[in-house]
C-alpha cells in the first residue's frame, strides 16, 4: 500500500519530488487534507490559508531553480515573523499583527524552496499560558509547550517539519510528549532575527520532525552547512549517563526509558558510564530561571506596563516576578551559568554524548498545564545541542522520549550518533 504523502518524512518527500513522482502541490494538498480532517480536534494552527499555501507550492512546481528544501511544507511557530501571515505571539495584544518581513529562518527556508504551510500555536509569548492545542496521541493530554502546535502538527502528520524555539524546554519536552524527534541545536546555530525574544541569553530556533535525518537536513540548510549529502549514522564509542540534579522528579516511565536505553547501548557495544555533574549545578536551574524571567520582564515591558489587562494571569505573574529580580541577582545567576558551561565542557569531553531524560514522564492529562521543563533547562542554559528520540511509551501508552546531549557546536557528531541510537533502542 502506498504511503500517504503527508506521512512521508521530509527526506523521502523531497526525494520523491526530485524524482518526479510527487509534486509540491500534491504534497501540500495532502497535508491540508489532514489538517481539514483533524484540526478541529488538535488545534495545532494559529493561522492557515490553504489556497495561499497551494499557490506557493504551485510556484515551486513551475520553477527550474530547485533548492534543497524544494516543495517541503513547513509549520512556523507563531512567535516567528512571516511577512505574508499574521504573527500574534500567542497573545490577544498582538492579534492580527502583520510583520513587514520574514524572520531569517523563514526567509532562508523559502529561499531553499520550502513552503510555509501556516503558523502553529504557541503559548502566550512562549511563556507558560497554553493555547488550545491538544496532544494528537491523546486529545485529553497536553502537547507540552511552548512550541505546542509545532509538535502536534508534526506528530499528527499535518506537516513533515515545523520550526520551534526553546528558551527553557519548549522543543524537547513537547517533542517527547507528542512522540516525535525534537532538535535544539547549539545556541545561535540558526540566526534568531525576526523571532520574538523571550530571553536572549537562551533563545534558540530548532525543529520538530519524524526522524533525525529531517532535523539534520533542515537545520543544516538554515545554518549554512554546505557539506550536503545524507546524514551518516555513527555508533558512539562512549556515552555518559547523566541523570542531572532533577532526577528525583523523574517518573517511573522516564527512569525505565533512560535505563533501558543505557542497557541497549551496552548490548550494542557502546561503553556507558555514569556522569555526575559538579556541585555547582545544584543551583543551576534556579539561576537559569532568574535569568529567563529577568530578561523576559524587560522584553515585554510594553505588554506588562501598558496592556497588563490583556495578559493571561500566569504570564502577568511571571513577568512581575522577573521585574522584581534585582540586577545583582541576575548577574550572579549569569556568573554561575558561565562557570557551569566551563565545567560541563570538561564533564562531557571524555564522551561522544550524554544520555538523559527528555521530560518527567508522559504528557500530563489536561490542557491547562504544559508540563515541567526541569530536564530541559540545563541544555538551554548551557547553550549546548540536544535531541529527543521517541523510542518508548509509558503506562497509559503515551510517548516517552530520551534525550541525547552534545558538546557546544558539536552538533554533527550528536546528530550522527542520534541516528545510530534511534535504530537500536526502544520498547
Foldseek 3Di string as FASTA:
>chain_A
DDDQLLLDAQVVNLVCCVVVNDALLSSLVSLVVLCVVPCVLFVFAPDFDSVQLSVLRVVLRPDPDAAPNASAEEEEELLWADQVAQRQQQFPVRPPHHDNHGFLLVVLNVVRHYGHGHYTAFARNFDWFGDCGAQPVDRQFALFHRSRSQLRSCLSSSGAKYKDKDQFQHFLQSVQQNQWKGKFAFPCLAPGGRGQDQFNLFITMAMTHRALQSRCSSSCSRNVPPPDDTQAADAWAEEEAEAAPCVVLADPQQVCQLVQLVVLSVVVNHHYYYFYADPLRVCLVVLSLLSRLLRNLVSCVCCQPPVVVRDDPVVNVSSVVNVPDDVVSNVVSLVSLVVSLVSVCVRCVVTLKYKYFSFNAHGDGHHRGSHDRPVGRNCSSSSWMKMWHFAEADPVRGTTTIMITGRRPPVSSRSSNVNVSNVRDHD
